[in-house]
Protein backbone atom coordinates (compact mmCIF):
# COMPACT_ATOMS: atom_id res chain seq x y z
CA MET A 1 3.83 -7.13 11.98
CA ASP A 2 2.47 -10.21 10.22
CA GLU A 3 0.52 -9.79 6.99
CA ILE A 4 -2.68 -11.04 8.63
CA ASP A 5 -2.31 -8.42 11.36
CA LEU A 6 -2.02 -5.69 8.72
CA TRP A 7 -5.25 -6.86 7.10
CA ARG A 8 -6.98 -7.03 10.49
CA ALA A 9 -5.81 -3.51 11.30
CA ALA A 10 -7.09 -2.26 7.95
CA ALA A 11 -10.46 -3.93 8.49
CA ALA A 12 -10.67 -2.45 12.00
CA MET A 13 -9.93 1.02 10.61
CA ILE A 14 -12.71 0.62 8.04
CA GLN A 15 -15.08 -0.59 10.76
CA LYS A 16 -14.23 2.38 12.98
CA HIS A 17 -13.80 5.20 10.45
CA GLY A 18 -15.82 4.07 7.43
CA GLU A 19 -15.07 6.17 4.33
CA ASN A 20 -12.40 8.08 6.26
CA ALA A 21 -10.37 4.99 7.15
CA ALA A 22 -7.59 5.58 4.60
CA LEU A 23 -7.34 9.23 5.58
CA GLU A 24 -7.13 8.40 9.30
CA ALA A 25 -4.49 5.74 8.63
CA ALA A 26 -2.51 8.19 6.47
CA ILE A 27 -2.64 10.77 9.26
CA ARG A 28 -1.24 8.17 11.69
CA CYS A 29 1.45 7.30 9.15
CA ASP A 30 2.47 10.98 8.92
CA GLU A 31 2.42 11.41 12.71
CA LEU A 32 4.80 8.51 13.14
CA LEU A 33 7.06 9.81 10.39
CA ASP A 34 7.16 13.23 12.07
CA GLN A 35 8.17 11.49 15.32
CA GLY A 36 10.98 9.66 13.54
CA ALA A 37 9.29 6.27 13.89
CA ILE A 38 10.18 5.17 10.37
CA GLU A 39 9.24 1.50 10.77
CA GLY A 40 5.89 2.38 12.35
CA SER A 41 5.22 4.80 9.53
CA ARG A 42 5.99 2.07 6.99
CA VAL A 43 3.52 -0.25 8.70
CA TRP A 44 0.77 2.37 8.53
CA HIS A 45 1.65 3.11 4.91
CA ARG A 46 1.02 -0.57 4.16
CA ILE A 47 -2.27 -0.40 6.07
CA VAL A 48 -3.35 2.58 3.95
CA GLY A 49 -2.69 0.50 0.83
CA ILE A 50 -4.69 -2.42 2.17
CA ILE A 51 -7.59 -0.14 3.12
CA ASN A 52 -7.61 1.27 -0.40
CA ARG A 53 -7.59 -2.24 -1.83
CA LEU A 54 -10.44 -3.34 0.43
CA GLU A 55 -12.46 -0.26 -0.47
CA VAL A 56 -12.07 -0.98 -4.19
CA GLU A 57 -13.05 -4.63 -3.74
CA LYS A 58 -15.96 -3.93 -1.38
CA PRO A 59 -19.27 -5.28 -2.68
CA ASP A 60 -22.15 -2.86 -3.27
CA ASP A 61 -23.79 -3.86 0.00
CA GLY A 62 -20.78 -2.55 1.96
CA THR A 63 -19.76 -5.84 3.55
CA LEU A 64 -16.17 -6.99 3.71
CA HIS A 65 -15.24 -10.55 2.78
């Protein structure tokens, strides 16, 4: 998955799940790991990190840049 796709996925998760985006992504990461889909789990682990980064950098008005 390209870096830009990871960022788009993270932004989509935030759009869909709001404050729970990182949690939902982490759950997906764990599900894939439980299924033995190591590479998929790694991708979702990266998405969790990007979500956390976006949440920290989010302006007070809640918009994403």
